Amino acid sequence: MANGSTLLVKKKMNILNQMKKDDTRRGCVLKAKTTKALYNCVRNPKTGRLTIKCGA
């Protein structure tokens, strides 16, 4: 069975690889300690959907 922290790191790397280098949310993604917190970093507050585009 996979370790939870290993899966979180993989999810972070996947999201970071899709973001631009100057995206302001990169710090939030790096600091996230749970998957829920990680997804909240890239969630559009108006629609509730995940988005990779900054400011979308």
PDB file of N, CA and C in Angstrom:
ATOM      1  N   MET A   1       0.846  -1.185   0.000  1.00  0.00           N
ATOM      2  CA  MET A   1       0.000   0.000   0.000  1.00  0.00           C
ATOM      3  C   MET A   1       0.887   1.243   0.000  1.00  0.00           C
ATOM      4  N   ALA A   2       0.475   2.258  -0.705  1.00  0.00           N
ATOM      5  CA  ALA A   2       1.267   3.478  -0.847  1.00  0.00           C
ATOM      6  C   ALA A   2       1.152   4.356   0.396  1.00  0.00           C
ATOM      7  N   ASN A   3       2.214   5.077   0.667  1.00  0.00           N
ATOM      8  CA  ASN A   3       2.264   6.010   1.788  1.00  0.00           C
ATOM      9  C   ASN A   3       1.518   7.292   1.398  1.00  0.00           C
ATOM     10  N   GLY A   4       0.731   7.842   2.334  1.00  0.00           N
ATOM     11  CA  GLY A   4      -0.046   9.050   2.057  1.00  0.00           C
ATOM     12  C   GLY A   4       0.809  10.244   1.697  1.00  0.00           C
ATOM     13  N   SER A   5       1.951  10.395   2.360  1.00  0.00           N
ATOM     14  CA  SER A   5       2.811  11.538   2.065  1.00  0.00           C
ATOM     15  C   SER A   5       3.445  11.410   0.681  1.00  0.00           C
ATOM     16  N   THR A   6       3.702  10.192   0.254  1.00  0.00           N
ATOM     17  CA  THR A   6       4.253   9.977  -1.083  1.00  0.00           C
ATOM     18  C   THR A   6       3.240  10.381  -2.145  1.00  0.00           C
ATOM     19  N   LEU A   7       1.984  10.037  -1.923  1.00  0.00           N
ATOM     20  CA  LEU A   7       0.943  10.416  -2.875  1.00  0.00           C
ATOM     21  C   LEU A   7       0.756  11.925  -2.913  1.00  0.00           C
ATOM     22  N   LEU A   8       0.849  12.586  -1.764  1.00  0.00           N
ATOM     23  CA  LEU A   8       0.722  14.040  -1.716  1.00  0.00           C
ATOM     24  C   LEU A   8       1.849  14.696  -2.512  1.00  0.00           C
ATOM     25  N   VAL A   9       3.054  14.197  -2.372  1.00  0.00           N
ATOM     26  CA  VAL A   9       4.193  14.746  -3.116  1.00  0.00           C
ATOM     27  C   VAL A   9       3.981  14.568  -4.613  1.00  0.00           C
ATOM     28  N   LYS A  10       3.474  13.422  -5.025  1.00  0.00           N
ATOM     29  CA  LYS A  10       3.214  13.191  -6.448  1.00  0.00           C
ATOM     30  C   LYS A  10       2.161  14.160  -6.975  1.00  0.00           C
ATOM     31  N   LYS A  11       1.115  14.407  -6.193  1.00  0.00           N
ATOM     32  CA  LYS A  11       0.072  15.347  -6.605  1.00  0.00           C
ATOM     33  C   LYS A  11       0.625  16.764  -6.697  1.00  0.00           C
ATOM     34  N   LYS A  12       1.463  17.138  -5.720  1.00  0.00           N
ATOM     35  CA  LYS A  12       2.083  18.475  -5.753  1.00  0.00           C
ATOM     36  C   LYS A  12       2.924  18.631  -7.008  1.00  0.00           C
ATOM     37  N   MET A  13       3.746  17.636  -7.306  1.00  0.00           N
ATOM     38  CA  MET A  13       4.618  17.719  -8.474  1.00  0.00           C
ATOM     39  C   MET A  13       3.801  17.797  -9.763  1.00  0.00           C
ATOM     40  N   ASN A  14       2.716  17.069  -9.841  1.00  0.00           N
ATOM     41  CA  ASN A  14       1.854  17.108 -11.015  1.00  0.00           C
ATOM     42  C   ASN A  14       1.282  18.509 -11.213  1.00  0.00           C
ATOM     43  N   ILE A  15       0.794  19.105 -10.130  1.00  0.00           N
ATOM     44  CA  ILE A  15       0.218  20.454 -10.220  1.00  0.00           C
ATOM     45  C   ILE A  15       1.304  21.473 -10.550  1.00  0.00           C
ATOM     46  N   LEU A  16       2.451  21.389  -9.888  1.00  0.00           N
ATOM     47  CA  LEU A  16       3.531  22.341 -10.127  1.00  0.00           C
ATOM     48  C   LEU A  16       4.051  22.265 -11.557  1.00  0.00           C
ATOM     49  N   ASN A  17       4.095  21.067 -12.118  1.00  0.00           N
ATOM     50  CA  ASN A  17       4.564  20.905 -13.496  1.00  0.00           C
ATOM     51  C   ASN A  17       3.615  21.545 -14.502  1.00  0.00           C
ATOM     52  N   GLN A  18       2.350  21.701 -14.140  1.00  0.00           N
ATOM     53  CA  GLN A  18       1.378  22.308 -15.040  1.00  0.00           C
ATOM     54  C   GLN A  18       1.283  23.823 -14.870  1.00  0.00           C
ATOM     55  N   MET A  19       1.843  24.344 -13.776  1.00  0.00           N
ATOM     56  CA  MET A  19       1.785  25.788 -13.502  1.00  0.00           C
ATOM     57  C   MET A  19       2.942  26.512 -14.174  1.00  0.00           C
ATOM     58  N   LYS A  20       2.725  27.795 -14.408  1.00  0.00           N
ATOM     59  CA  LYS A  20       3.809  28.638 -14.896  1.00  0.00           C
ATOM     60  C   LYS A  20       4.749  28.944 -13.735  1.00  0.00           C
ATOM     61  N   LYS A  21       5.984  29.268 -14.054  1.00  0.00           N
ATOM     62  CA  LYS A  21       7.005  29.528 -13.030  1.00  0.00           C
ATOM     63  C   LYS A  21       6.684  30.750 -12.174  1.00  0.00           C
ATOM     64  N   ASP A  22       5.956  31.720 -12.709  1.00  0.00           N
ATOM     65  CA  ASP A  22       5.663  32.946 -11.972  1.00  0.00           C
ATOM     66  C   ASP A  22       4.274  32.945 -11.328  1.00  0.00           C
ATOM     67  N   ASP A  23       3.632  31.784 -11.259  1.00  0.00           N
ATOM     68  CA  ASP A  23       2.294  31.677 -10.656  1.00  0.00           C
ATOM     69  C   ASP A  23       2.391  31.969  -9.160  1.00  0.00           C
ATOM     70  N   THR A  24       1.507  32.829  -8.686  1.00  0.00           N
ATOM     71  CA  THR A  24       1.545  33.253  -7.281  1.00  0.00           C
ATOM     72  C   THR A  24       1.084  32.156  -6.324  1.00  0.00           C
ATOM     73  N   ARG A  25       0.441  31.130  -6.832  1.00  0.00           N
ATOM     74  CA  ARG A  25      -0.076  30.059  -5.966  1.00  0.00           C
ATOM     75  C   ARG A  25       0.935  28.953  -5.705  1.00  0.00           C
ATOM     76  N   ARG A  26       2.111  29.030  -6.291  1.00  0.00           N
ATOM     77  CA  ARG A  26       3.128  27.991  -6.114  1.00  0.00           C
ATOM     78  C   ARG A  26       3.503  27.813  -4.643  1.00  0.00           C
ATOM     79  N   GLY A  27       3.615  28.904  -3.909  1.00  0.00           N
ATOM     80  CA  GLY A  27       3.955  28.833  -2.489  1.00  0.00           C
ATOM     81  C   GLY A  27       2.904  28.084  -1.693  1.00  0.00           C
ATOM     82  N   CYS A  28       1.646  28.340  -2.000  1.00  0.00           N
ATOM     83  CA  CYS A  28       0.545  27.654  -1.330  1.00  0.00           C
ATOM     84  C   CYS A  28       0.609  26.152  -1.610  1.00  0.00           C
ATOM     85  N   VAL A  29       0.870  25.793  -2.843  1.00  0.00           N
ATOM     86  CA  VAL A  29       0.959  24.382  -3.223  1.00  0.00           C
ATOM     87  C   VAL A  29       2.109  23.712  -2.469  1.00  0.00           C
ATOM     88  N   LEU A  30       3.233  24.379  -2.391  1.00  0.00           N
ATOM     89  CA  LEU A  30       4.393  23.792  -1.715  1.00  0.00           C
ATOM     90  C   LEU A  30       4.172  23.633  -0.215  1.00  0.00           C
ATOM     91  N   LYS A  31       3.417  24.523   0.398  1.00  0.00           N
ATOM     92  CA  LYS A  31       3.187  24.475   1.842  1.00  0.00           C
ATOM     93  C   LYS A  31       2.044  23.542   2.255  1.00  0.00           C
ATOM     94  N   ALA A  32       1.229  23.108   1.316  1.00  0.00           N
ATOM     95  CA  ALA A  32       0.055  22.291   1.625  1.00  0.00           C
ATOM     96  C   ALA A  32       0.460  20.992   2.325  1.00  0.00           C
ATOM     97  N   LYS A  33      -0.224  20.677   3.415  1.00  0.00           N
ATOM     98  CA  LYS A  33       0.087  19.483   4.198  1.00  0.00           C
ATOM     99  C   LYS A  33      -0.913  18.351   3.962  1.00  0.00           C
ATOM    100  N   THR A  34      -2.023  18.651   3.300  1.00  0.00           N
ATOM    101  CA  THR A  34      -3.016  17.630   2.972  1.00  0.00           C
ATOM    102  C   THR A  34      -3.471  17.814   1.529  1.00  0.00           C
ATOM    103  N   THR A  35      -4.084  16.775   1.005  1.00  0.00           N
ATOM    104  CA  THR A  35      -4.600  16.852  -0.359  1.00  0.00           C
ATOM    105  C   THR A  35      -5.693  17.907  -0.460  1.00  0.00           C
ATOM    106  N   LYS A  36      -6.536  17.998   0.556  1.00  0.00           N
ATOM    107  CA  LYS A  36      -7.613  18.988   0.548  1.00  0.00           C
ATOM    108  C   LYS A  36      -7.036  20.399   0.499  1.00  0.00           C
ATOM    109  N   ALA A  37      -6.027  20.670   1.312  1.00  0.00           N
ATOM    110  CA  ALA A  37      -5.381  21.984   1.309  1.00  0.00           C
ATOM    111  C   ALA A  37      -4.718  22.250  -0.045  1.00  0.00           C
ATOM    112  N   LEU A  38      -4.124  21.222  -0.609  1.00  0.00           N
ATOM    113  CA  LEU A  38      -3.471  21.346  -1.913  1.00  0.00           C
ATOM    114  C   LEU A  38      -4.474  21.743  -2.983  1.00  0.00           C
ATOM    115  N   TYR A  39      -5.599  21.067  -3.023  1.00  0.00           N
ATOM    116  CA  TYR A  39      -6.612  21.371  -4.022  1.00  0.00           C
ATOM    117  C   TYR A  39      -7.256  22.724  -3.781  1.00  0.00           C
ATOM    118  N   ASN A  40      -7.342  23.156  -2.532  1.00  0.00           N
ATOM    119  CA  ASN A  40      -7.898  24.479  -2.248  1.00  0.00           C
ATOM    120  C   ASN A  40      -7.002  25.588  -2.801  1.00  0.00           C
ATOM    121  N   CYS A  41      -5.725  25.315  -2.942  1.00  0.00           N
ATOM    122  CA  CYS A  41      -4.795  26.296  -3.510  1.00  0.00           C
ATOM    123  C   CYS A  41      -5.114  26.593  -4.978  1.00  0.00           C
ATOM    124  N   VAL A  42      -5.605  25.608  -5.692  1.00  0.00           N
ATOM    125  CA  VAL A  42      -5.843  25.772  -7.127  1.00  0.00           C
ATOM    126  C   VAL A  42      -7.327  25.736  -7.474  1.00  0.00           C
ATOM    127  N   ARG A  43      -8.179  25.854  -6.485  1.00  0.00           N
ATOM    128  CA  ARG A  43      -9.627  25.840  -6.714  1.00  0.00           C
ATOM    129  C   ARG A  43     -10.116  27.258  -7.027  1.00  0.00           C
ATOM    130  N   ASN A  44     -10.965  27.384  -8.029  1.00  0.00           N
ATOM    131  CA  ASN A  44     -11.586  28.657  -8.366  1.00  0.00           C
ATOM    132  C   ASN A  44     -12.690  28.914  -7.341  1.00  0.00           C
ATOM    133  N   PRO A  45     -12.608  29.986  -6.559  1.00  0.00           N
ATOM    134  CA  PRO A  45     -13.595  30.219  -5.509  1.00  0.00           C
ATOM    135  C   PRO A  45     -15.013  30.453  -6.021  1.00  0.00           C
ATOM    136  N   LYS A  46     -15.156  30.961  -7.231  1.00  0.00           N
ATOM    137  CA  LYS A  46     -16.491  31.228  -7.779  1.00  0.00           C
ATOM    138  C   LYS A  46     -17.191  29.958  -8.242  1.00  0.00           C
ATOM    139  N   THR A  47     -16.465  29.092  -8.935  1.00  0.00           N
ATOM    140  CA  THR A  47     -17.080  27.893  -9.501  1.00  0.00           C
ATOM    141  C   THR A  47     -16.837  26.647  -8.666  1.00  0.00           C
ATOM    142  N   GLY A  48     -15.781  26.654  -7.848  1.00  0.00           N
ATOM    143  CA  GLY A  48     -15.439  25.472  -7.067  1.00  0.00           C
ATOM    144  C   GLY A  48     -14.647  24.441  -7.847  1.00  0.00           C
ATOM    145  N   ARG A  49     -14.336  24.745  -9.090  1.00  0.00           N
ATOM    146  CA  ARG A  49     -13.570  23.817  -9.921  1.00  0.00           C
ATOM    147  C   ARG A  49     -12.081  24.056  -9.779  1.00  0.00           C
ATOM    148  N   LEU A  50     -11.311  23.011 -10.011  1.00  0.00           N
ATOM    149  CA  LEU A  50      -9.854  23.143  -9.997  1.00  0.00           C
ATOM    150  C   LEU A  50      -9.404  23.780 -11.291  1.00  0.00           C
ATOM    151  N   THR A  51      -8.446  24.675 -11.195  1.00  0.00           N
ATOM    152  CA  THR A  51      -7.927  25.361 -12.362  1.00  0.00           C
ATOM    153  C   THR A  51      -6.426  25.539 -12.217  1.00  0.00           C
ATOM    154  N   ILE A  52      -5.718  25.429 -13.295  1.00  0.00           N
ATOM    155  CA  ILE A  52      -4.270  25.617 -13.285  1.00  0.00           C
ATOM    156  C   ILE A  52      -3.926  27.064 -13.623  1.00  0.00           C
ATOM    157  N   LYS A  53      -4.824  27.765 -14.314  1.00  0.00           N
ATOM    158  CA  LYS A  53      -4.562  29.149 -14.702  1.00  0.00           C
ATOM    159  C   LYS A  53      -4.663  30.073 -13.501  1.00  0.00           C
ATOM    160  N   CYS A  54      -3.661  30.891 -13.315  1.00  0.00           N
ATOM    161  CA  CYS A  54      -3.662  31.865 -12.227  1.00  0.00           C
ATOM    162  C   CYS A  54      -4.675  32.957 -12.513  1.00  0.00           C
ATOM    163  N   GLY A  55      -5.485  33.286 -11.529  1.00  0.00           N
ATOM    164  CA  GLY A  55      -6.452  34.354 -11.666  1.00  0.00           C
ATOM    165  C   GLY A  55      -7.706  33.968 -12.435  1.00  0.00           C
ATOM    166  N   ALA A  56      -7.825  32.698 -12.775  1.00  0.00           N
ATOM    167  CA  ALA A  56      -9.016  32.259 -13.526  1.00  0.00           C
ATOM    168  C   ALA A  56     -10.195  32.058 -12.588  1.00  0.00           C
TER     169      ALA A  56
END
